[in-house]
């Protein structure tokens, strides 16, 4: 059985969010809502079966919500981490989900498919 654990650099992620303006956070949401990111995310979600959520999800949601004052960003992070966790539980090798996991392990909020994302302060 796969351990119920997420590899997330939460402190770096929260620090990164704290440095971004509300406008930049909204821009990141727009990038994620557009293709190709949303198409890749929805495709991975359809491919990977759901399971029980990871135990750390609520703690991470609250930390991100407090850092951003935006529940939408916190929801996206929680959804991403649940997708990553489900992929691990189902031993999926989906490349998009692997890239999401890599971004979060480095403390970055992913918004582009294919590479770990690092936000720029704008």
N, C-alpha and C. Protein backbone atom coordinates (compact mmCIF):
# COMPACT_ATOMS: atom_id res chain seq x y z
N UNK A 1 0.84 -1.19 0.00
CA UNK A 1 0.00 0.00 0.00
C UNK A 1 0.88 1.25 0.00
N UNK A 2 0.47 2.28 -0.73
CA UNK A 2 1.20 3.54 -0.81
C UNK A 2 0.91 4.37 0.43
N UNK A 3 1.93 5.00 0.98
CA UNK A 3 1.78 5.81 2.18
C UNK A 3 0.94 7.05 1.90
N UNK A 4 0.11 7.45 2.87
CA UNK A 4 -0.74 8.63 2.76
C UNK A 4 0.11 9.87 3.06
N UNK A 5 0.89 10.28 2.09
CA UNK A 5 1.80 11.39 2.30
C UNK A 5 1.96 12.17 1.00
N UNK A 6 1.99 13.48 1.14
CA UNK A 6 2.22 14.34 -0.02
C UNK A 6 3.57 15.02 0.13
N UNK A 7 4.31 15.08 -0.94
CA UNK A 7 5.60 15.74 -0.95
C UNK A 7 5.39 17.17 -1.43
N UNK A 8 5.12 18.07 -0.48
CA UNK A 8 4.84 19.47 -0.80
C UNK A 8 5.75 20.35 0.04
N UNK A 9 6.45 21.26 -0.60
CA UNK A 9 7.22 22.25 0.14
C UNK A 9 6.26 23.40 0.46
N UNK A 10 5.47 23.20 1.51
CA UNK A 10 4.40 24.13 1.84
C UNK A 10 4.94 25.51 2.22
N UNK A 11 6.04 25.56 2.96
CA UNK A 11 6.58 26.85 3.37
C UNK A 11 7.01 27.69 2.17
N UNK A 12 7.71 27.07 1.23
CA UNK A 12 8.12 27.79 0.02
C UNK A 12 6.91 28.23 -0.79
N UNK A 13 5.92 27.34 -0.90
CA UNK A 13 4.70 27.67 -1.63
C UNK A 13 3.99 28.86 -1.00
N UNK A 14 3.82 28.83 0.31
CA UNK A 14 3.14 29.93 1.02
C UNK A 14 3.96 31.22 0.88
N UNK A 15 5.28 31.13 1.03
CA UNK A 15 6.12 32.32 0.87
C UNK A 15 5.99 32.90 -0.53
N UNK A 16 5.94 32.02 -1.52
CA UNK A 16 5.79 32.48 -2.90
C UNK A 16 4.45 33.20 -3.09
N UNK A 17 3.39 32.62 -2.55
CA UNK A 17 2.07 33.26 -2.65
C UNK A 17 2.06 34.61 -1.94
N UNK A 18 2.73 34.71 -0.80
CA UNK A 18 2.76 35.96 -0.04
C UNK A 18 3.40 37.09 -0.83
N UNK A 19 4.25 36.77 -1.78
CA UNK A 19 4.96 37.78 -2.56
C UNK A 19 4.19 38.24 -3.80
N UNK A 20 3.09 37.58 -4.11
CA UNK A 20 2.36 37.89 -5.34
C UNK A 20 1.19 38.83 -5.07
N UNK A 21 0.99 39.74 -5.99
CA UNK A 21 -0.15 40.66 -5.90
C UNK A 21 -1.44 39.92 -6.21
N UNK A 22 -2.53 40.51 -5.80
CA UNK A 22 -3.85 39.94 -6.10
C UNK A 22 -4.04 39.82 -7.61
N UNK A 23 -3.57 40.81 -8.33
CA UNK A 23 -3.68 40.79 -9.80
C UNK A 23 -2.91 39.61 -10.39
N UNK A 24 -1.70 39.37 -9.88
CA UNK A 24 -0.89 38.25 -10.39
C UNK A 24 -1.54 36.91 -10.04
N UNK A 25 -2.11 36.79 -8.85
CA UNK A 25 -2.82 35.57 -8.48
C UNK A 25 -3.98 35.31 -9.44
N UNK A 26 -4.71 36.37 -9.77
CA UNK A 26 -5.81 36.23 -10.73
C UNK A 26 -5.29 35.82 -12.11
N UNK A 27 -4.14 36.37 -12.51
CA UNK A 27 -3.53 35.99 -13.79
C UNK A 27 -3.19 34.50 -13.80
N UNK A 28 -2.66 34.00 -12.69
CA UNK A 28 -2.31 32.57 -12.60
C UNK A 28 -3.56 31.70 -12.71
N UNK A 29 -4.64 32.13 -12.09
CA UNK A 29 -5.90 31.39 -12.21
C UNK A 29 -6.37 31.37 -13.66
N UNK A 30 -6.26 32.51 -14.33
CA UNK A 30 -6.66 32.58 -15.75
C UNK A 30 -5.81 31.63 -16.60
N UNK A 31 -4.51 31.58 -16.34
CA UNK A 31 -3.64 30.68 -17.10
C UNK A 31 -4.03 29.22 -16.89
N UNK A 32 -4.40 28.89 -15.67
CA UNK A 32 -4.80 27.50 -15.38
C UNK A 32 -6.16 27.16 -15.98
N UNK A 33 -7.02 28.15 -16.09
CA UNK A 33 -8.36 27.91 -16.64
C UNK A 33 -8.35 27.79 -18.17
N UNK A 34 -7.25 28.19 -18.79
CA UNK A 34 -7.14 28.14 -20.25
C UNK A 34 -6.47 26.84 -20.69
N UNK A 35 -6.68 26.50 -21.97
CA UNK A 35 -5.92 25.39 -22.54
C UNK A 35 -4.50 25.88 -22.74
N UNK A 36 -3.52 25.05 -22.69
CA UNK A 36 -3.58 23.60 -22.58
C UNK A 36 -3.64 23.07 -21.14
N UNK A 37 -3.45 23.96 -20.14
CA UNK A 37 -3.40 23.45 -18.76
C UNK A 37 -4.71 22.78 -18.36
N UNK A 38 -5.83 23.46 -18.57
CA UNK A 38 -7.11 22.90 -18.12
C UNK A 38 -7.43 21.59 -18.85
N UNK A 39 -7.09 21.52 -20.13
CA UNK A 39 -7.34 20.29 -20.89
C UNK A 39 -6.52 19.14 -20.32
N UNK A 40 -5.26 19.39 -20.04
CA UNK A 40 -4.39 18.35 -19.48
C UNK A 40 -4.88 17.94 -18.09
N UNK A 41 -5.30 18.91 -17.27
CA UNK A 41 -5.76 18.61 -15.92
C UNK A 41 -7.03 17.75 -15.97
N UNK A 42 -7.99 18.17 -16.79
CA UNK A 42 -9.25 17.42 -16.88
C UNK A 42 -9.04 16.02 -17.44
N UNK A 43 -8.13 15.88 -18.38
CA UNK A 43 -7.82 14.57 -18.94
C UNK A 43 -7.22 13.65 -17.88
N UNK A 44 -6.29 14.18 -17.09
CA UNK A 44 -5.69 13.39 -16.01
C UNK A 44 -6.73 13.01 -14.98
N UNK A 45 -7.60 13.94 -14.66
CA UNK A 45 -8.65 13.69 -13.66
C UNK A 45 -9.59 12.58 -14.14
N UNK A 46 -9.91 12.57 -15.42
CA UNK A 46 -10.79 11.53 -15.97
C UNK A 46 -10.11 10.17 -15.99
N UNK A 47 -8.80 10.16 -16.13
CA UNK A 47 -8.03 8.91 -16.23
C UNK A 47 -7.79 8.25 -14.87
N UNK A 48 -7.67 9.04 -13.81
CA UNK A 48 -7.23 8.52 -12.51
C UNK A 48 -8.42 8.37 -11.57
N UNK A 49 -8.64 7.16 -11.06
CA UNK A 49 -9.77 6.94 -10.14
C UNK A 49 -9.61 7.72 -8.84
N UNK A 50 -10.76 8.14 -8.29
CA UNK A 50 -10.76 8.86 -7.01
C UNK A 50 -10.63 7.90 -5.86
N UNK A 51 -10.09 8.40 -4.77
CA UNK A 51 -10.00 7.65 -3.54
C UNK A 51 -10.21 8.60 -2.38
N UNK A 52 -10.00 8.13 -1.16
CA UNK A 52 -10.13 9.02 -0.02
C UNK A 52 -9.06 10.12 -0.08
N UNK A 53 -9.40 11.33 0.36
CA UNK A 53 -8.44 12.43 0.28
C UNK A 53 -7.28 12.23 1.25
N UNK A 54 -6.13 12.80 0.91
CA UNK A 54 -4.99 12.71 1.82
C UNK A 54 -5.26 13.49 3.11
N UNK A 55 -4.68 13.04 4.19
CA UNK A 55 -4.96 13.65 5.49
C UNK A 55 -4.46 15.08 5.60
N UNK A 56 -3.43 15.45 4.86
CA UNK A 56 -2.86 16.79 4.96
C UNK A 56 -3.63 17.86 4.19
N UNK A 57 -4.64 17.47 3.44
CA UNK A 57 -5.31 18.38 2.52
C UNK A 57 -5.92 19.60 3.22
N UNK A 58 -6.58 19.39 4.33
CA UNK A 58 -7.22 20.51 5.03
C UNK A 58 -6.19 21.51 5.53
N UNK A 59 -5.10 21.02 6.10
CA UNK A 59 -4.04 21.89 6.60
C UNK A 59 -3.45 22.73 5.47
N UNK A 60 -3.21 22.10 4.34
CA UNK A 60 -2.64 22.80 3.19
C UNK A 60 -3.63 23.83 2.64
N UNK A 61 -4.91 23.46 2.54
CA UNK A 61 -5.94 24.38 2.06
C UNK A 61 -5.96 25.64 2.94
N UNK A 62 -5.97 25.45 4.25
CA UNK A 62 -6.03 26.59 5.17
C UNK A 62 -4.79 27.46 5.04
N UNK A 63 -3.61 26.87 4.97
CA UNK A 63 -2.38 27.64 4.85
C UNK A 63 -2.36 28.47 3.56
N UNK A 64 -2.77 27.88 2.46
CA UNK A 64 -2.79 28.59 1.18
C UNK A 64 -3.88 29.66 1.18
N UNK A 65 -5.02 29.35 1.74
CA UNK A 65 -6.11 30.32 1.81
C UNK A 65 -5.70 31.54 2.62
N UNK A 66 -5.03 31.32 3.73
CA UNK A 66 -4.57 32.44 4.56
C UNK A 66 -3.49 33.25 3.86
N UNK A 67 -2.62 32.59 3.11
CA UNK A 67 -1.53 33.28 2.41
C UNK A 67 -2.03 34.13 1.25
N UNK A 68 -3.11 33.68 0.61
CA UNK A 68 -3.56 34.35 -0.61
C UNK A 68 -4.83 35.17 -0.43
N UNK A 69 -5.58 34.90 0.63
CA UNK A 69 -6.92 35.49 0.79
C UNK A 69 -7.82 35.16 -0.39
N UNK A 70 -7.51 34.06 -1.06
CA UNK A 70 -8.30 33.62 -2.21
C UNK A 70 -8.59 32.13 -2.07
N UNK A 71 -9.84 31.82 -1.80
CA UNK A 71 -10.22 30.42 -1.65
C UNK A 71 -10.11 29.66 -2.97
N UNK A 72 -10.22 30.38 -4.09
CA UNK A 72 -10.13 29.70 -5.38
C UNK A 72 -8.74 29.10 -5.58
N UNK A 73 -7.71 29.86 -5.25
CA UNK A 73 -6.33 29.33 -5.36
C UNK A 73 -6.17 28.14 -4.42
N UNK A 74 -6.65 28.28 -3.19
CA UNK A 74 -6.54 27.19 -2.21
C UNK A 74 -7.28 25.95 -2.72
N UNK A 75 -8.42 26.14 -3.35
CA UNK A 75 -9.17 25.01 -3.91
C UNK A 75 -8.40 24.34 -5.04
N UNK A 76 -7.76 25.14 -5.90
CA UNK A 76 -6.97 24.58 -6.99
C UNK A 76 -5.81 23.76 -6.44
N UNK A 77 -5.14 24.29 -5.42
CA UNK A 77 -4.03 23.56 -4.81
C UNK A 77 -4.53 22.25 -4.22
N UNK A 78 -5.64 22.31 -3.48
CA UNK A 78 -6.20 21.09 -2.88
C UNK A 78 -6.60 20.08 -3.94
N UNK A 79 -7.22 20.55 -5.01
CA UNK A 79 -7.61 19.64 -6.10
C UNK A 79 -6.39 19.01 -6.76
N UNK A 80 -5.35 19.82 -6.98
CA UNK A 80 -4.11 19.29 -7.56
C UNK A 80 -3.52 18.21 -6.68
N UNK A 81 -3.44 18.49 -5.39
CA UNK A 81 -2.81 17.55 -4.47
C UNK A 81 -3.64 16.28 -4.33
N UNK A 82 -4.94 16.41 -4.38
CA UNK A 82 -5.79 15.22 -4.35
C UNK A 82 -5.56 14.38 -5.62
N UNK A 83 -5.44 15.04 -6.77
CA UNK A 83 -5.15 14.34 -8.02
C UNK A 83 -3.80 13.62 -7.94
N UNK A 84 -2.80 14.31 -7.42
CA UNK A 84 -1.47 13.71 -7.27
C UNK A 84 -1.54 12.50 -6.34
N UNK A 85 -2.23 12.66 -5.23
CA UNK A 85 -2.35 11.56 -4.27
C UNK A 85 -3.06 10.36 -4.89
N UNK A 86 -4.16 10.62 -5.61
CA UNK A 86 -4.89 9.53 -6.26
C UNK A 86 -4.01 8.83 -7.30
N UNK A 87 -3.21 9.61 -8.02
CA UNK A 87 -2.29 9.01 -9.00
C UNK A 87 -1.29 8.10 -8.29
N UNK A 88 -0.77 8.56 -7.16
CA UNK A 88 0.16 7.73 -6.40
C UNK A 88 -0.52 6.45 -5.91
N UNK A 89 -1.72 6.59 -5.39
CA UNK A 89 -2.44 5.43 -4.86
C UNK A 89 -2.73 4.41 -5.96
N UNK A 90 -2.96 4.89 -7.17
CA UNK A 90 -3.28 4.01 -8.30
C UNK A 90 -2.06 3.68 -9.15
N UNK A 91 -0.89 4.09 -8.68
CA UNK A 91 0.38 3.85 -9.37
C UNK A 91 0.33 4.32 -10.83
N UNK A 92 -0.29 5.47 -11.03
CA UNK A 92 -0.38 6.08 -12.36
C UNK A 92 0.95 6.72 -12.72
N UNK A 93 1.31 6.65 -13.97
CA UNK A 93 2.52 7.32 -14.44
C UNK A 93 2.18 8.47 -15.39
N UNK A 94 1.02 9.08 -15.16
CA UNK A 94 0.57 10.19 -16.00
C UNK A 94 1.62 11.31 -15.96
N UNK A 95 2.18 11.70 -17.12
CA UNK A 95 3.25 12.71 -17.13
C UNK A 95 2.80 14.08 -16.63
N UNK A 96 1.56 14.47 -16.91
CA UNK A 96 1.08 15.76 -16.43
C UNK A 96 1.03 15.77 -14.90
N UNK A 97 0.53 14.70 -14.30
CA UNK A 97 0.43 14.63 -12.84
C UNK A 97 1.83 14.56 -12.23
N UNK A 98 2.74 13.87 -12.88
CA UNK A 98 4.12 13.84 -12.38
C UNK A 98 4.71 15.25 -12.37
N UNK A 99 4.39 16.04 -13.38
CA UNK A 99 4.89 17.41 -13.43
C UNK A 99 4.25 18.28 -12.35
N UNK A 100 2.95 18.07 -12.09
CA UNK A 100 2.30 18.78 -10.98
C UNK A 100 3.02 18.46 -9.67
N UNK A 101 3.27 17.18 -9.45
CA UNK A 101 3.93 16.74 -8.21
C UNK A 101 5.31 17.38 -8.09
N UNK A 102 6.04 17.44 -9.19
CA UNK A 102 7.38 18.05 -9.17
C UNK A 102 7.30 19.53 -8.80
N UNK A 103 6.32 20.24 -9.34
CA UNK A 103 6.15 21.66 -9.03
C UNK A 103 5.89 21.86 -7.54
N UNK A 104 4.97 21.09 -6.99
CA UNK A 104 4.64 21.24 -5.57
C UNK A 104 5.79 20.82 -4.67
N UNK A 105 6.54 19.80 -5.07
CA UNK A 105 7.70 19.38 -4.27
C UNK A 105 8.75 20.49 -4.20
N UNK A 106 8.77 21.35 -5.23
CA UNK A 106 9.68 22.49 -5.26
C UNK A 106 9.06 23.75 -4.66
N UNK A 107 7.80 23.64 -4.21
CA UNK A 107 7.14 24.78 -3.60
C UNK A 107 6.56 25.77 -4.58
N UNK A 108 6.21 25.31 -5.78
CA UNK A 108 5.67 26.19 -6.81
C UNK A 108 4.24 25.82 -7.17
N UNK A 109 3.44 26.83 -7.47
CA UNK A 109 2.06 26.65 -7.94
C UNK A 109 2.10 26.47 -9.45
N UNK A 110 1.75 25.28 -9.94
CA UNK A 110 1.84 25.03 -11.38
C UNK A 110 0.73 25.75 -12.16
N UNK A 111 1.11 26.34 -13.29
CA UNK A 111 0.13 26.99 -14.15
C UNK A 111 0.41 26.75 -15.63
N UNK A 112 1.49 26.01 -15.94
CA UNK A 112 1.81 25.65 -17.32
C UNK A 112 2.10 24.17 -17.37
N UNK A 113 1.50 23.45 -18.31
CA UNK A 113 1.85 22.03 -18.42
C UNK A 113 3.26 21.87 -18.97
N UNK A 114 3.95 20.85 -18.49
CA UNK A 114 5.23 20.52 -19.07
C UNK A 114 6.46 20.97 -18.32
N UNK A 115 6.33 21.88 -17.37
CA UNK A 115 7.50 22.30 -16.61
C UNK A 115 7.08 22.83 -15.26
N UNK A 116 7.94 22.68 -14.24
CA UNK A 116 7.61 23.26 -12.95
C UNK A 116 7.48 24.76 -13.09
N UNK A 117 6.53 25.33 -12.39
CA UNK A 117 6.24 26.75 -12.52
C UNK A 117 6.86 27.53 -11.39
N UNK A 118 7.42 28.67 -11.72
CA UNK A 118 7.93 29.61 -10.73
C UNK A 118 7.32 30.95 -11.07
N UNK A 119 6.56 31.48 -10.14
CA UNK A 119 5.88 32.74 -10.39
C UNK A 119 6.87 33.89 -10.39
N UNK A 120 6.54 34.89 -11.16
CA UNK A 120 7.33 36.11 -11.18
C UNK A 120 6.55 37.16 -10.41
N UNK A 121 7.26 37.95 -9.64
CA UNK A 121 6.59 39.04 -8.92
C UNK A 121 6.23 40.12 -9.92
N UNK A 122 4.96 40.42 -9.98
CA UNK A 122 4.50 41.48 -10.90
C UNK A 122 3.61 42.42 -10.15
